[in-house]
Amino acid sequence: MAIKRALISVSDKAGVVDFAAALVKAGVEIISTGGTKKLLQAHNIQVTGISDVTSFPEILDGRVKTLHPAVHSGLLAVRDNEEHVQQLKELHLDFIDLVVVNLYPFKQTVAKPDVTYEDAIENIDIGGPSMLRAAAKNHAFVTVVVDATDYTAVLAQLEQQGDTDLALRKQLAAKVFRHTAAYDALIADYLCKQSGEPFPEKLTVTYEKVQDLRYGENPHQRAAFYQKPLASSTTIATAKQLHGKALSYNNINDADAALQIVKEFSEPAVVAVKHMNPCGVGIGTTIAEAYQKAYEADSTSIFGGIVAANREVDKETALMLHEIFLEIIIAPSFSAEAIEVLSQKKNIRLLQCDMQVDRSIKQQMLKDVDGGVLIQDMDQLQLTDEDLKVVTKREPTDEEVKQLLFAWKVVKHVKSNAIVLAKHNMTIGIGAGQMNRVGAANIAIEQAKEQAKGSVLASDAFFPMGDTLKLAAEAGITAVIQPGGSIRDEESIEVANVYGVSMLFTSIRHFKH
């Protein structure tokens, strides 16, 4: 069945003039509305107005124009159903064989920082989704296009056979329902936020593909990378790659982990990550000094890792980075000299990413489980002076407090059970992902070796008993920060007092699974 009649009504008009002109050349009648109609007529393309089809004017400032039986009967009629065909003849209605519609720019509207609620609501399309869904439902007979990149495929088949084949129509129909589902998910999300519903009874989420990946965590697992439609500019999903080969699944995971940690710091900071855990973190007066500390924290594990810096990477830092094999370097910017140095390595990825975090915007995270999904607020809580409580006889020194707060920012991002030792503005020992806290402390202390003497310790959760504190004190650790809250807190406090260790409670836990 040949395409004889097409309805075109688009908000995004890219390519539509050439497409419509090709349709007219193929003998297709064009029906159109509003701005699309004016644009086509301005290019001398013959167009039938929607009011000429419906015999009814566009009303309510264009809110009602295509919601009419003359349109939807032409879309929904089953062409091999004699009763449907006879009804259209009796009512002097005709089929619509091709629908080309894209929707009001709701996403672009709500992305504006100064968007008003009224403007957002006005950009919720009603007629467009109705036509798309009707045409997609009836794809056995109707071709529906929601994406301008599909114009070429439709025209190719139209030129070859006067119609599209069922396989293409099925593909296009599936894209329509993905598109309208994503559109509605964005609207639902916006209205949930406006009405203050963080966990509604129905969870509708949508993501947009960034790229196919070669494989997932392992070569036998397929994978792709998607981003949130309104992703913040401070994310890996929106980072700009300046150099290097494509990112892998594990690269993206590790890069995200590094970025989340380095954004904790306001002073120049560098984070090195391996397998989702930091292996070295350092802060300094310059980014070069911060990198040197992160490198010295664990010069073995950083090899083949991900490095994130929260200041521009300059030539001095680039020369040090160039000395070892790294997968990725992330920074808000790179000097021209730094790019020249680092791009000598063909495969290293250089990612430019905004580091200006707006903590007033609450973020949520999803985690798949078999048969379901978990959703929670991201751990964006920042420690304040009011949260700190000295529970031991000895008060910490100003330097110990500085190192404790540094270690606390890091331990928040280490897989539980987690222990971080810090000294001289750098991590010197990290114990991650252990089944008990003593095990995590042992790993951190063994890594620190002699440097453990005079260092401080941060724990992501409370000590269930005094054994971890005793281990730390015997290693020469002088100050500890932990949430507190165990029924045996007094046991840990007593051990700390015996050894002269200062201990702070935060009443804040940072489990990371």
Protein backbone atom coordinates (compact mmCIF):
# COMPACT_ATOMS: atom_id res chain seq x y z
CA MET A 1 0.00 0.00 0.00
CA ALA A 2 1.66 3.19 -1.20
CA ILE A 3 2.27 6.25 0.96
CA LYS A 4 -0.09 8.88 -0.44
CA ARG A 5 -0.80 11.16 2.51
CA ALA A 6 1.52 12.41 5.27
CA LEU A 7 0.93 14.53 8.37
CA ILE A 8 3.97 16.60 9.43
CA SER A 9 4.05 18.62 12.67
CA VAL A 10 7.44 19.09 14.31
CA SER A 11 8.99 21.26 17.00
CA ASP A 12 12.53 20.36 15.93
CA LYS A 13 12.51 21.37 12.30
CA ALA A 14 16.00 20.19 11.37
CA GLY A 15 15.87 18.50 7.96
CA VAL A 16 12.10 18.68 7.66
CA VAL A 17 12.05 20.98 4.62
CA ASP A 18 14.19 18.66 2.51
CA PHE A 19 12.23 15.65 3.73
CA ALA A 20 8.86 17.22 2.88
CA ALA A 21 10.14 18.34 -0.53
CA ALA A 22 11.21 14.76 -1.30
CA LEU A 23 7.77 13.49 -0.24
CA VAL A 24 6.01 15.96 -2.55
CA LYS A 25 8.30 14.93 -5.39
CA ALA A 26 7.20 11.33 -4.75
CA GLY A 27 3.56 12.39 -5.08
CA VAL A 28 2.70 12.48 -1.37
CA GLU A 29 0.11 14.99 -0.09
CA ILE A 30 1.39 16.95 2.95
CA ILE A 31 -0.88 17.92 5.84
CA SER A 32 0.63 20.26 8.39
CA THR A 33 -0.03 22.59 11.30
CA GLY A 34 1.09 25.89 12.81
CA GLY A 35 4.79 26.73 12.55
CA THR A 36 5.63 23.68 10.47
CA LYS A 37 3.03 24.62 7.89
CA LYS A 38 4.37 28.19 7.66
CA LEU A 39 7.95 26.94 7.26
CA LEU A 40 7.05 24.53 4.46
CA GLN A 41 4.98 27.14 2.66
CA ALA A 42 7.85 29.61 2.95
CA HIS A 43 9.92 27.09 0.97
CA ASN A 44 7.20 26.78 -1.69
CA ILE A 45 6.10 23.32 -0.58
CA GLN A 46 2.41 22.70 -1.16
CA VAL A 47 0.69 22.02 2.17
CA THR A 48 -2.86 21.25 3.25
CA GLY A 49 -3.72 22.90 6.56
CA ILE A 50 -5.03 20.73 9.38
CA SER A 51 -8.21 22.84 9.57
CA ASP A 52 -8.97 21.93 5.94
CA VAL A 53 -8.85 18.26 6.98
CA THR A 54 -10.88 18.58 10.19
CA SER A 55 -13.21 21.37 9.01
CA PHE A 56 -12.60 22.86 12.42
CA PRO A 57 -10.31 25.74 13.37
CA GLU A 58 -7.26 25.46 15.59
CA ILE A 59 -8.44 26.74 18.98
CA LEU A 60 -7.19 27.57 22.49
CA ASP A 61 -3.93 29.08 21.24
CA GLY A 62 -3.23 25.93 19.24
CA ARG A 63 -3.78 23.57 22.18
CA VAL A 64 -6.50 21.81 20.18
CA LYS A 65 -5.90 21.20 16.49
CA THR A 66 -5.09 17.52 15.77
CA LEU A 67 -7.28 15.98 18.48
CA HIS A 68 -10.04 15.26 15.99
CA PRO A 69 -11.69 12.13 14.45
CA ALA A 70 -10.65 13.21 10.97
CA VAL A 71 -7.04 12.82 12.07
CA HIS A 72 -7.19 9.84 14.38
CA SER A 73 -9.55 7.78 12.24
CA GLY A 74 -7.07 8.18 9.36
CA LEU A 75 -4.31 6.92 11.65
CA LEU A 76 -6.13 4.09 13.43
CA ALA A 77 -8.26 2.58 10.66
CA VAL A 78 -7.33 -1.03 9.92
CA ARG A 79 -6.90 -1.05 6.17
CA ASP A 80 -7.88 -4.69 5.61
CA ASN A 81 -10.99 -4.38 7.80
CA GLU A 82 -13.92 -3.77 5.41
CA GLU A 83 -16.06 -2.18 8.12
CA HIS A 84 -13.33 0.35 8.95
CA VAL A 85 -12.83 1.20 5.28
CA GLN A 86 -16.59 1.56 4.69
CA GLN A 87 -17.02 3.83 7.75
CA LEU A 88 -14.32 6.20 6.50
CA LYS A 89 -15.96 6.32 3.05
CA GLU A 90 -19.37 7.09 4.55
CA LEU A 91 -17.88 9.91 6.66
CA HIS A 92 -15.80 11.25 3.76
CA LEU A 93 -12.58 10.66 5.68
CA ASP A 94 -9.26 9.43 4.33
CA PHE A 95 -6.26 7.42 5.51
CA ILE A 96 -3.05 9.04 6.77
CA ASP A 97 -0.15 6.83 5.71
CA LEU A 98 2.81 8.66 7.24
CA VAL A 99 3.13 10.66 10.46
CA VAL A 100 6.16 12.85 11.16
CA VAL A 101 5.95 14.35 14.63
CA ASN A 102 8.38 15.40 17.33
CA LEU A 103 7.28 16.89 20.58
CA TYR A 104 7.30 20.20 22.41
CA PRO A 105 10.79 20.71 23.92
CA PHE A 106 9.92 19.84 27.52
CA LYS A 107 13.45 18.67 28.43
CA GLN A 108 15.08 21.78 26.98
CA THR A 109 12.53 23.96 28.77
CA VAL A 110 13.00 22.52 32.28
CA ALA A 111 16.78 22.51 31.79
CA LYS A 112 16.74 26.32 31.84
CA PRO A 113 17.86 27.60 35.26
CA ASP A 114 15.16 30.30 35.28
CA VAL A 115 12.27 28.15 34.00
CA THR A 116 8.89 28.91 35.52
CA TYR A 117 6.38 26.25 36.49
CA GLU A 118 3.88 27.75 34.03
CA ASP A 119 6.36 27.57 31.15
CA ALA A 120 7.18 23.95 31.97
CA ILE A 121 3.50 22.96 31.98
CA GLU A 122 2.85 24.79 28.71
CA ASN A 123 5.56 22.68 27.07
CA ILE A 124 3.83 19.39 27.83
CA ASP A 125 2.70 18.12 24.42
CA ILE A 126 -0.72 16.47 24.18
CA GLY A 127 -1.64 16.19 20.52
CA GLY A 128 1.81 15.04 19.42
CA PRO A 129 2.03 11.96 21.67
CA SER A 130 -1.57 11.09 20.78
CA MET A 131 -0.79 11.04 17.06
CA LEU A 132 2.48 9.20 17.57
CA ARG A 133 0.90 6.50 19.70
CA ALA A 134 -2.02 6.07 17.32
CA ALA A 135 0.26 5.72 14.30
CA ALA A 136 2.67 3.43 16.14
CA LYS A 137 -0.16 1.19 17.29
CA ASN A 138 -1.30 0.88 13.68
CA HIS A 139 2.21 0.33 12.29
CA ALA A 140 0.93 -2.60 10.23
CA PHE A 141 -0.29 0.10 7.86
CA VAL A 142 1.14 3.46 9.02
CA THR A 143 4.74 4.69 8.99
CA VAL A 144 5.63 6.92 11.94
CA VAL A 145 8.77 9.03 12.30
CA VAL A 146 9.76 10.74 15.56
CA ASP A 147 13.49 11.08 14.87
CA ALA A 148 14.93 13.13 12.00
CA THR A 149 17.76 10.61 11.60
CA ASP A 150 15.17 8.19 10.18
CA TYR A 151 14.17 10.46 7.28
CA THR A 152 16.83 8.91 5.05
CA ALA A 153 15.69 5.32 5.62
CA VAL A 154 12.04 6.19 4.96
CA LEU A 155 12.85 8.08 1.75
CA ALA A 156 15.09 5.27 0.50
CA GLN A 157 12.29 2.71 0.77
CA LEU A 158 9.71 5.14 -0.57
CA GLU A 159 11.81 5.76 -3.68
CA GLN A 160 12.44 2.04 -4.19
CA GLN A 161 8.96 0.64 -3.57
CA GLY A 162 6.52 3.50 -2.96
CA ASP A 163 6.04 2.40 0.65
CA THR A 164 7.98 1.20 3.69
CA ASP A 165 8.27 -2.44 4.64
CA LEU A 166 6.85 -3.92 7.85
CA ALA A 167 10.28 -4.45 9.38
CA LEU A 168 11.10 -0.74 9.21
CA ARG A 169 7.64 0.24 10.43
CA LYS A 170 8.09 -2.03 13.47
CA GLN A 171 11.46 -0.43 14.26
CA LEU A 172 10.01 3.06 13.94
CA ALA A 173 6.98 2.17 16.10
CA ALA A 174 9.21 0.78 18.84
CA LYS A 175 11.24 4.01 18.78
CA VAL A 176 8.03 6.02 19.15
CA PHE A 177 6.99 4.18 22.30
CA ARG A 178 10.50 4.54 23.74
CA HIS A 179 10.36 8.23 22.92
CA THR A 180 6.93 8.90 24.43
CA ALA A 181 7.77 6.79 27.50
CA ALA A 182 10.93 8.83 28.06
CA TYR A 183 9.00 12.06 27.48
CA ASP A 184 6.37 11.11 30.06
CA ALA A 185 9.06 9.94 32.50
CA LEU A 186 10.67 13.39 32.38
CA ILE A 187 7.34 15.07 33.00
CA ALA A 188 6.55 12.71 35.88
CA ASP A 189 9.98 13.33 37.41
CA TYR A 190 9.58 17.10 37.15
CA LEU A 191 6.13 17.07 38.72
CA CYS A 192 7.27 14.71 41.50
CA LYS A 193 10.04 17.14 42.40
CA GLN A 194 7.65 20.07 42.25
CA SER A 195 5.21 18.30 44.59
CA GLY A 196 7.90 16.98 46.92
CA GLU A 197 7.53 13.24 46.28
CA PRO A 198 11.02 11.65 46.40
CA PHE A 199 9.76 8.05 46.31
CA PRO A 200 6.45 7.85 44.37
CA GLU A 201 4.36 4.68 44.13
CA LYS A 202 5.49 4.24 40.51
CA LEU A 203 9.14 4.85 39.61
CA THR A 204 9.59 6.06 36.04
CA VAL A 205 13.14 6.73 34.91
CA THR A 206 14.72 7.30 31.54
CA TYR A 207 18.25 7.50 30.21
CA GLU A 208 19.81 8.46 26.88
CA LYS A 209 22.51 6.38 25.24
CA VAL A 210 25.99 7.87 25.21
CA GLN A 211 27.77 4.96 23.57
CA ASP A 212 27.97 1.21 23.09
CA LEU A 213 30.88 -0.30 25.01
CA ARG A 214 33.18 -3.04 23.79
CA TYR A 215 32.11 -5.16 26.77
CA GLY A 216 31.14 -4.91 30.43
CA GLU A 217 33.14 -5.81 33.53
CA ASN A 218 34.39 -8.87 31.63
CA PRO A 219 34.68 -9.62 27.89
CA HIS A 220 31.72 -12.03 27.89
CA GLN A 221 29.31 -9.33 29.17
CA ARG A 222 27.64 -6.90 26.75
CA ALA A 223 27.38 -3.26 27.88
CA ALA A 224 26.41 0.29 26.96
CA PHE A 225 26.66 3.67 28.67
CA TYR A 226 23.60 5.87 29.24
CA GLN A 227 23.24 9.25 30.88
CA LYS A 228 20.40 11.05 32.63
CA PRO A 229 18.58 13.45 30.26
CA LEU A 230 19.32 16.40 32.56
CA ALA A 231 22.69 15.23 33.87
CA SER A 232 24.76 17.74 35.83
CA SER A 233 27.83 19.19 34.13
CA THR A 234 29.92 17.80 37.02
CA THR A 235 29.52 14.16 36.00
CA ILE A 236 31.44 11.59 33.99
CA ALA A 237 28.42 11.34 31.68
CA THR A 238 28.89 14.95 30.59
CA ALA A 239 32.70 15.10 30.69
CA LYS A 240 34.46 16.13 27.47
CA GLN A 241 37.10 13.70 26.25
CA LEU A 242 40.11 15.60 24.90
CA HIS A 243 42.36 12.68 23.99
CA GLY A 244 42.65 8.91 23.99
CA LYS A 245 40.72 5.80 23.06
CA ALA A 246 37.10 5.16 24.00
CA LEU A 247 36.21 4.57 27.64
CA SER A 248 35.41 1.06 28.83
CA TYR A 249 32.78 -0.07 31.34
CA ASN A 250 35.34 -0.35 34.13
CA ASN A 251 36.94 2.97 33.12
CA ILE A 252 33.61 4.74 33.53
CA ASN A 253 32.95 3.13 36.91
CA ASP A 254 36.40 4.01 38.24
CA ALA A 255 36.37 7.50 36.76
CA ASP A 256 33.05 8.20 38.44
CA ALA A 257 34.47 7.00 41.78
CA ALA A 258 37.53 9.25 41.41
CA LEU A 259 35.40 12.23 40.47
CA GLN A 260 33.06 11.81 43.44
CA ILE A 261 35.99 11.81 45.86
CA VAL A 262 37.94 14.73 44.41
CA LYS A 263 34.80 16.91 44.44
CA GLU A 264 34.80 16.61 48.26
CA PHE A 265 37.77 19.00 48.47
CA SER A 266 37.95 22.76 48.06
CA GLU A 267 41.75 22.92 48.27
CA PRO A 268 43.93 21.52 45.44
CA ALA A 269 43.41 17.75 45.56
CA VAL A 270 44.30 14.66 43.55
CA VAL A 271 42.71 11.22 43.84
CA ALA A 272 43.97 7.95 42.39
CA VAL A 273 41.45 5.11 42.08
CA LYS A 274 41.71 1.39 41.33
CA HIS A 275 38.67 -0.90 41.15
CA MET A 276 36.27 1.67 42.62
CA ASN A 277 38.40 2.37 45.70
CA PRO A 278 40.90 5.20 46.27
CA CYS A 279 44.48 3.98 46.46
CA GLY A 280 45.94 7.43 47.11
CA VAL A 281 44.57 10.86 47.97
CA GLY A 282 46.57 14.02 48.54
CA ILE A 283 45.97 17.74 49.02
CA GLY A 284 48.49 20.56 48.70
CA THR A 285 49.06 24.21 47.95
CA THR A 286 49.41 23.33 44.25
CA ILE A 287 47.97 20.53 42.13
CA ALA A 288 51.51 19.25 41.53
CA GLU A 289 52.08 18.92 45.28
CA ALA A 290 48.70 17.21 45.69
CA TYR A 291 49.57 14.71 42.93
CA GLN A 292 52.95 13.95 44.48
CA LYS A 293 51.23 13.09 47.77
CA ALA A 294 48.60 10.93 46.04
CA TYR A 295 51.37 9.09 44.18
CA GLU A 296 53.49 8.54 47.30
CA ALA A 297 50.43 7.26 49.18
CA ASP A 298 50.58 4.05 47.11
CA SER A 299 53.06 4.18 44.24
CA THR A 300 52.32 0.55 43.37
CA SER A 301 48.52 0.56 43.12
CA ILE A 302 48.32 3.82 41.17
CA PHE A 303 49.88 2.05 38.17
CA GLY A 304 47.15 1.56 35.56
CA GLY A 305 44.72 3.61 37.63
CA ILE A 306 42.47 6.63 37.26
CA VAL A 307 43.62 10.05 38.47
CA ALA A 308 41.28 12.97 39.17
CA ALA A 309 42.42 16.51 39.95
CA ASN A 310 40.21 19.41 41.02
CA ARG A 311 42.46 22.08 39.49
CA GLU A 312 43.91 22.60 36.02
CA VAL A 313 46.63 20.13 35.15
CA ASP A 314 49.71 22.20 34.36
CA LYS A 315 52.95 21.20 32.68
CA GLU A 316 54.72 20.42 35.97
CA THR A 317 51.97 17.99 36.99
CA ALA A 318 51.69 16.56 33.46
CA LEU A 319 55.39 15.67 33.42
CA MET A 320 54.94 13.64 36.62
CA LEU A 321 51.78 12.00 35.34
CA HIS A 322 53.57 11.09 32.14
CA GLU A 323 56.11 9.00 34.04
CA ILE A 324 53.68 6.14 34.81
CA PHE A 325 50.98 4.22 33.00
CA LEU A 326 47.53 5.68 33.73
CA GLU A 327 44.21 4.86 32.11
CA ILE A 328 42.47 8.23 32.64
CA ILE A 329 43.20 11.71 33.95
CA ILE A 330 40.21 13.87 34.88
CA ALA A 331 40.47 17.61 35.55
CA PRO A 332 38.45 20.81 35.09
CA SER A 333 41.02 21.85 32.47
CA PHE A 334 44.45 21.07 31.02
CA SER A 335 47.00 23.68 29.99
CA ALA A 336 48.13 23.54 26.36
CA GLU A 337 51.57 22.41 27.55
CA ALA A 338 50.01 19.65 29.67
CA ILE A 339 48.02 18.34 26.72
CA GLU A 340 51.14 18.36 24.58
CA VAL A 341 53.00 16.28 27.20
CA LEU A 342 50.20 13.83 27.99
CA SER A 343 48.99 13.28 24.42
CA GLN A 344 52.34 11.71 23.60
CA LYS A 345 50.73 8.60 25.06
CA LYS A 346 48.27 7.46 22.43
CA ASN A 347 45.80 5.60 24.61
CA ILE A 348 45.58 7.70 27.77
CA ARG A 349 42.19 9.34 28.15
CA LEU A 350 42.05 13.01 29.12
CA LEU A 351 38.64 14.04 30.44
CA GLN A 352 37.63 17.63 31.08
CA CYS A 353 34.90 17.94 33.70
CA ASP A 354 33.34 20.79 35.63
CA MET A 355 34.13 20.52 39.37
CA GLN A 356 31.80 23.27 40.65
CA VAL A 357 29.38 21.22 42.74
CA ASP A 358 25.98 22.60 43.73
CA ARG A 359 25.21 20.64 46.89
CA SER A 360 21.77 22.20 47.18
CA ILE A 361 20.62 19.95 44.33
CA LYS A 362 19.70 16.60 45.84
CA GLN A 363 20.68 13.61 43.74
CA GLN A 364 19.42 10.04 43.84
CA MET A 365 21.06 6.80 42.79
CA LEU A 366 19.71 3.48 41.55
CA LYS A 367 21.13 0.02 42.09
CA ASP A 368 19.81 -3.07 40.35
CA VAL A 369 19.08 -6.23 42.30
CA ASP A 370 17.70 -9.42 40.84
CA GLY A 371 14.03 -8.72 40.18
CA GLY A 372 14.04 -5.11 41.31
CA VAL A 373 15.86 -1.89 41.92
CA LEU A 374 16.96 0.04 45.00
CA ILE A 375 16.83 3.82 45.04
CA GLN A 376 18.29 6.15 47.62
CA ASP A 377 19.50 9.71 48.07
CA MET A 378 23.18 10.06 47.23
CA ASP A 379 25.47 10.47 50.24
CA GLN A 380 25.97 14.22 49.91
CA LEU A 381 26.05 14.98 53.65
CA GLN A 382 28.87 17.30 54.67
CA LEU A 383 30.38 17.26 58.15
CA THR A 384 30.14 20.48 60.17
CA ASP A 385 31.91 21.60 63.35
CA GLU A 386 28.66 21.05 65.24
CA ASP A 387 28.74 17.36 64.29
CA LEU A 388 32.09 16.80 66.03
CA LYS A 389 32.17 15.62 69.62
CA VAL A 390 35.35 14.87 71.57
CA VAL A 391 34.65 11.77 73.70
CA THR A 392 38.13 11.18 75.17
CA LYS A 393 40.16 12.88 77.88
CA ARG A 394 42.64 14.25 75.38
CA GLU A 395 41.50 16.92 72.96
CA PRO A 396 42.86 16.61 69.41
CA THR A 397 45.40 19.17 68.24
CA ASP A 398 44.52 21.55 65.42
CA GLU A 399 46.73 19.52 63.06
CA GLU A 400 45.06 16.27 64.10
CA VAL A 401 41.62 17.78 63.45
CA LYS A 402 42.76 18.87 59.98
CA GLN A 403 44.03 15.38 59.15
CA LEU A 404 40.93 13.73 60.66
CA LEU A 405 38.60 15.81 58.48
CA PHE A 406 40.73 15.00 55.44
CA ALA A 407 40.57 11.26 56.22
CA TRP A 408 36.82 11.51 56.86
CA LYS A 409 36.20 12.89 53.36
CA VAL A 410 38.09 9.94 51.89
CA VAL A 411 36.62 7.12 54.01
CA LYS A 412 33.15 8.18 52.89
CA HIS A 413 34.03 6.85 49.43
CA VAL A 414 35.81 3.63 50.42
CA LYS A 415 33.92 0.33 50.23
CA SER A 416 32.81 -0.88 53.67
CA ASN A 417 34.11 -1.96 56.03
CA ALA A 418 36.51 0.94 55.56
CA ILE A 419 39.47 2.38 57.44
CA VAL A 420 41.64 5.27 56.22
CA LEU A 421 44.91 6.43 57.77
CA ALA A 422 46.15 9.94 56.97
CA LYS A 423 49.21 12.03 57.69
CA HIS A 424 50.72 15.19 56.17
CA ASN A 425 47.66 15.80 53.94
CA MET A 426 47.77 12.39 52.28
CA THR A 427 46.42 8.91 52.76
CA ILE A 428 49.04 6.45 53.99
CA GLY A 429 46.88 3.36 54.44
CA ILE A 430 43.45 2.29 53.18
CA GLY A 431 41.59 -0.84 54.23
CA ALA A 432 38.54 -1.45 52.04
CA GLY A 433 35.67 -3.90 51.63
CA GLN A 434 36.46 -6.19 54.55
CA MET A 435 34.01 -8.39 56.38
CA ASN A 436 35.11 -6.99 59.75
CA ARG A 437 36.54 -3.68 60.86
CA VAL A 438 39.64 -5.16 62.48
CA GLY A 439 40.55 -6.70 59.11
CA ALA A 440 40.20 -3.33 57.38
CA ALA A 441 42.35 -1.67 60.05
CA ASN A 442 45.03 -4.34 59.75
CA ILE A 443 45.27 -3.79 55.98
CA ALA A 444 45.54 -0.01 56.40
CA ILE A 445 48.17 -0.28 59.13
CA GLU A 446 50.22 -2.84 57.22
CA GLN A 447 50.17 -0.59 54.18
CA ALA A 448 51.26 2.44 56.23
CA LYS A 449 54.10 0.57 57.95
CA GLU A 450 56.24 2.98 60.02
CA GLN A 451 54.23 5.96 58.78
CA ALA A 452 51.33 4.81 60.96
CA LYS A 453 53.10 6.38 63.95
CA GLY A 454 51.65 9.83 64.46
CA SER A 455 48.90 9.35 61.88
CA VAL A 456 45.13 9.65 62.30
CA LEU A 457 42.40 7.11 61.52
CA ALA A 458 38.91 7.47 60.05
CA SER A 459 36.31 4.72 60.20
CA ASP A 460 33.16 4.75 58.07
CA ALA A 461 31.10 3.18 60.89
CA PHE A 462 31.37 2.62 64.63
CA PHE A 463 33.71 0.17 66.35
CA PRO A 464 31.56 -2.70 67.71
CA MET A 465 34.18 -3.26 70.41
CA GLY A 466 37.54 -1.93 71.54
CA ASP A 467 39.80 -4.26 69.50
CA THR A 468 40.18 -1.95 66.49
CA LEU A 469 41.03 1.00 68.73
CA LYS A 470 43.64 -1.08 70.58
CA LEU A 471 45.21 -2.16 67.28
CA ALA A 472 45.35 1.45 66.10
CA ALA A 473 46.84 2.75 69.33
CA GLU A 474 49.54 0.08 69.40
CA ALA A 475 50.49 1.10 65.82
CA GLY A 476 51.08 4.66 67.02
CA ILE A 477 47.91 6.27 65.69
CA THR A 478 47.18 9.37 67.78
CA ALA A 479 43.64 10.42 66.82
CA VAL A 480 40.50 8.73 65.53
CA ILE A 481 37.27 9.90 63.94
CA GLN A 482 34.25 7.59 63.81
CA PRO A 483 30.44 7.83 63.97
CA GLY A 484 30.02 6.30 67.45
CA GLY A 485 26.71 4.73 68.41
CA SER A 486 27.83 1.23 69.42
CA ILE A 487 26.43 -0.23 72.65
CA ARG A 488 30.12 -0.79 73.50
CA ASP A 489 31.34 2.74 72.75
CA GLU A 490 32.61 3.04 76.31
CA GLU A 491 34.97 0.13 75.72
CA SER A 492 36.60 1.95 72.77
CA ILE A 493 36.70 5.24 74.71
CA GLU A 494 38.38 3.52 77.64
CA VAL A 495 41.04 1.99 75.35
CA ALA A 496 41.65 5.39 73.77
CA ASN A 497 42.08 7.00 77.17
CA VAL A 498 44.53 4.33 78.29
CA TYR A 499 46.74 4.97 75.24
CA GLY A 500 46.24 8.74 75.17
CA VAL A 501 44.46 8.66 71.82
CA SER A 502 42.04 11.49 71.04
CA MET A 503 38.74 10.41 69.51
CA LEU A 504 35.93 12.32 67.81
CA PHE A 505 32.38 11.08 67.26
CA THR A 506 30.40 12.41 64.28
CA SER A 507 27.03 10.61 64.69
CA ILE A 508 27.19 10.19 60.89
CA ARG A 509 27.76 6.83 59.19
CA HIS A 510 29.10 6.39 55.67
CA PHE A 511 28.54 2.74 54.68
CA LYS A 512 29.32 2.19 50.99
CA HIS A 513 28.34 -1.18 49.51
